[in-house]
Protein backbone atom coordinates (compact mmCIF):
# COMPACT_ATOMS: atom_id res chain seq x y z
CA UNK A 1 9.07 70.59 -15.82
CA UNK A 2 10.27 69.36 -12.19
CA UNK A 3 11.22 71.92 -9.63
CA UNK A 4 11.98 71.38 -5.86
CA UNK A 5 11.61 75.19 -3.63
CA UNK A 6 13.43 76.36 -0.83
CA UNK A 7 10.12 76.16 1.45
CA UNK A 8 10.30 71.93 0.23
CA UNK A 9 7.25 72.19 -2.12
CA UNK A 10 7.88 70.12 -5.08
CA UNK A 11 6.13 70.71 -8.65
CA UNK A 12 6.37 68.78 -11.45
CA UNK A 13 4.68 68.66 -14.86
CA UNK A 14 2.95 64.93 -14.94
CA UNK A 15 4.94 62.40 -16.92
CA UNK A 16 8.24 64.71 -16.56
CA UNK A 17 11.37 63.17 -14.65
CA UNK A 18 13.59 64.78 -12.36
CA UNK A 19 15.24 63.98 -8.94
CA UNK A 20 16.88 66.36 -5.71
CA UNK A 21 18.94 65.30 -3.00
CA UNK A 22 17.95 64.64 0.53
CA UNK A 23 20.09 65.31 3.54
CA UNK A 24 19.54 65.13 7.11
CA UNK A 25 21.06 66.53 9.95
CA UNK A 26 21.65 65.19 14.00
CA UNK A 27 21.72 68.63 15.64
CA UNK A 28 24.34 70.67 14.09
CA UNK A 29 26.09 67.58 12.52
CA UNK A 30 24.86 66.29 8.82
CA UNK A 31 24.01 62.70 9.22
CA UNK A 32 25.86 60.11 7.35
CA UNK A 33 23.49 57.83 5.61
CA UNK A 34 24.70 54.10 5.79
CA UNK A 35 24.43 50.85 3.47
CA UNK A 36 21.18 49.56 3.44
CA UNK A 37 19.67 52.71 4.74
CA UNK A 38 16.02 53.11 3.08
CA UNK A 39 14.44 56.43 2.03
CA UNK A 40 11.04 56.66 1.38
CA UNK A 41 9.29 59.07 -0.93
CA UNK A 42 5.47 58.75 -0.10
CA UNK A 43 2.82 61.28 -2.36
CA UNK A 44 -0.52 60.87 -0.93
CA UNK A 45 -3.98 62.64 -2.10
CA UNK A 46 -4.06 66.04 -0.51
CA UNK A 47 -5.48 65.69 3.09
CA UNK A 48 -5.39 61.98 3.08
CA UNK A 49 -2.43 60.26 4.16
CA UNK A 50 -4.07 57.11 3.29
CA UNK A 51 -4.64 57.65 -0.44
CA UNK A 52 -1.10 56.55 -1.65
CA UNK A 53 -0.64 57.90 -5.08
CA UNK A 54 3.33 57.25 -5.36
CA UNK A 55 6.09 55.31 -3.03
CA UNK A 56 9.45 54.91 -4.04
CA UNK A 57 12.18 53.75 -1.89
CA UNK A 58 15.83 54.33 -2.42
CA UNK A 59 18.43 52.50 -0.68
CA UNK A 60 21.87 53.65 0.19
CA UNK A 61 24.82 51.70 -1.42
CA UNK A 62 27.63 53.89 0.59
CA UNK A 63 28.36 56.26 3.29
CA UNK A 64 27.16 59.43 2.22
CA UNK A 65 26.03 62.93 3.78
CA UNK A 66 22.97 63.16 1.16
CA UNK A 67 20.95 60.46 -1.46
CA UNK A 68 19.59 61.26 -4.37
CA UNK A 69 15.60 60.24 -5.23
CA UNK A 70 14.81 60.19 -8.74
CA UNK A 71 11.42 60.11 -10.50
CA UNK A 72 10.85 58.88 -13.92
CA UNK A 73 8.08 59.72 -16.47
CA UNK A 74 6.19 57.03 -15.11
CA UNK A 75 6.61 57.60 -11.81
CA UNK A 76 5.03 61.02 -11.99
CA UNK A 77 2.08 59.68 -14.20
CA UNK A 78 0.19 58.88 -11.11
CA UNK A 79 -3.38 59.43 -10.85
CA UNK A 80 -5.22 60.36 -14.11
CA UNK A 81 -4.65 62.30 -16.58
CA UNK A 82 -5.52 66.13 -15.25
CA UNK A 83 -6.60 69.59 -16.91
CA UNK A 84 -5.46 71.83 -13.78
CA UNK A 85 -2.59 71.74 -11.31
CA UNK A 86 -3.30 69.36 -8.60
CA UNK A 87 -1.98 69.56 -5.29
CA UNK A 88 -0.47 66.28 -3.43
CA UNK A 89 1.37 65.81 0.07
CA UNK A 90 4.03 63.95 0.40
CA UNK A 91 6.72 62.69 3.02
CA UNK A 92 9.97 61.46 3.53
CA UNK A 93 11.29 58.95 5.40
CA UNK A 94 14.24 57.17 6.70
CA UNK A 95 14.17 53.21 7.46
CA UNK A 96 10.51 53.00 7.51
CA UNK A 97 10.33 49.58 8.32
CA UNK A 98 12.12 49.37 11.91
CA UNK A 99 13.27 52.79 13.42
CA UNK A 100 11.53 55.34 11.22
CA UNK A 101 12.31 58.80 11.27
CA UNK A 102 10.34 61.33 8.74
CA UNK A 103 12.85 63.41 7.07
CA UNK A 104 10.31 65.78 5.41
CA UNK A 105 6.51 65.66 6.36
CA UNK A 106 3.72 67.88 7.98
CA UNK A 107 5.13 70.55 10.34
CA UNK A 108 3.40 73.22 12.29
CA UNK A 109 3.36 75.45 9.05
CA UNK A 110 1.45 72.66 7.13
CA UNK A 111 1.94 69.66 4.59
CA UNK A 112 4.85 69.27 2.19
CA UNK A 113 3.26 70.15 -1.10
CA UNK A 114 3.74 68.46 -4.14
CA UNK A 115 1.72 69.98 -7.28
CA UNK A 116 1.61 68.14 -10.35
CA UNK A 117 0.71 70.06 -13.28
CA UNK A 118 -1.15 68.98 -17.03
CA UNK A 119 1.05 66.99 -19.10
CA UNK A 120 0.31 67.84 -23.24
CA UNK A 121 -1.63 64.50 -24.68
CA UNK A 122 -2.25 64.02 -27.98
CA UNK A 123 -1.93 61.74 -30.85
CA UNK A 124 1.56 59.73 -31.74
CA UNK A 125 2.69 59.91 -34.96
């Protein structure tokens, strides 16, 4: 399972793959991402932005109004095996090196939450 909800919370079963689109606006106009823009997804331990669990960069290759961030099975296996849902915090930044702009992150309403659910772990074969 991999779901991005309307409130920008992400829910994922550990080890599952998924993707989502990121767009931005400048006033009422859509932001036009340029080639070589970088979007960085950072997932951190809850209440500890210094404890990074996953960091993934996506480089834009052509002008576009939205960028797809894809996570594969290995990406979502951060941390150890869990036996209950675990909440993390996440941010998405545009051009994290240089003139950085946070597109999704902590607001007056709180942190953006990435919930990881347990995966089935068994023996192969």
